[in-house]
Amino acid sequence: MKNVLWLIVGVGVGFVAAHQIAKTPQGKQFFDDVNGKAHDFGNAIVEGYKQREAELRAVVSD
């Protein structure tokens, strides 16, 4: 139970720190870059999934 409390405290402190950092121009740029990279990664996953799904559907159709 004590470990769960420390986990919750750590997550809360992390959110507060990230919020304070995001208020600065450098912090905003950093989080914008991270967000853009995460978005690109997600799009690549979706694109790969759709390509593989199309390949498998083509094989099943034959």
Protein backbone atom coordinates (compact mmCIF):
# COMPACT_ATOMS: atom_id res chain seq x y z
CA MET A 1 0.00 0.00 0.00
CA LYS A 2 2.88 2.33 0.80
CA ASN A 3 4.36 1.73 -2.66
CA VAL A 4 1.07 2.66 -4.32
CA LEU A 5 1.00 5.91 -2.37
CA TRP A 6 4.54 6.75 -3.53
CA LEU A 7 3.55 5.94 -7.10
CA ILE A 8 0.57 8.31 -6.91
CA VAL A 9 2.72 11.04 -5.36
CA GLY A 10 5.36 10.58 -8.07
CA VAL A 11 2.82 10.79 -10.87
CA GLY A 12 1.32 13.93 -9.33
CA VAL A 13 4.71 15.60 -8.96
CA GLY A 14 5.52 14.66 -12.56
CA PHE A 15 2.33 16.26 -13.84
CA VAL A 16 2.96 19.44 -11.89
CA ALA A 17 6.56 19.61 -13.13
CA ALA A 18 5.52 19.01 -16.74
CA HIS A 19 2.86 21.71 -16.48
CA GLN A 20 5.40 24.22 -15.15
CA ILE A 21 7.95 23.30 -17.82
CA ALA A 22 5.33 23.59 -20.58
CA LYS A 23 4.77 27.23 -19.61
CA THR A 24 8.25 28.19 -20.86
CA PRO A 25 8.95 28.66 -24.60
CA GLN A 26 11.59 25.91 -24.57
CA GLY A 27 9.30 23.58 -22.67
CA LYS A 28 6.42 24.24 -25.05
CA GLN A 29 8.70 23.51 -28.01
CA PHE A 30 9.89 20.29 -26.36
CA PHE A 31 6.38 19.02 -25.70
CA ASP A 32 5.26 20.04 -29.20
CA ASP A 33 8.14 18.00 -30.64
CA VAL A 34 7.29 14.99 -28.46
CA ASN A 35 3.62 15.27 -29.42
CA GLY A 36 4.48 15.47 -33.13
CA LYS A 37 6.74 12.41 -32.94
CA ALA A 38 4.10 10.44 -31.05
CA HIS A 39 1.50 11.43 -33.65
CA ASP A 40 3.82 10.36 -36.50
CA PHE A 41 4.52 7.05 -34.75
CA GLY A 42 0.80 6.40 -34.28
CA ASN A 43 0.12 7.16 -37.94
CA ALA A 44 2.88 4.75 -38.99
CA ILE A 45 1.34 2.00 -36.85
CA VAL A 46 -2.10 2.58 -38.37
CA GLU A 47 -0.70 2.65 -41.90
CA GLY A 48 1.22 -0.60 -41.35
CA TYR A 49 -1.85 -2.25 -39.86
CA LYS A 50 -4.00 -1.23 -42.83
CA GLN A 51 -1.39 -2.45 -45.33
CA ARG A 52 -1.10 -5.81 -43.61
CA GLU A 53 -4.87 -6.12 -43.37
CA ALA A 54 -5.17 -5.45 -47.12
CA GLU A 55 -2.49 -8.08 -47.85
CA LEU A 56 -4.28 -10.69 -45.75
CA ARG A 57 -7.66 -9.89 -47.26
CA ALA A 58 -6.18 -10.26 -50.75
CA VAL A 59 -4.78 -13.70 -49.86
CA VAL A 60 -8.09 -14.84 -48.38
CA SER A 61 -10.01 -13.59 -51.43
CA ASP A 62 -7.90 -15.66 -53.84
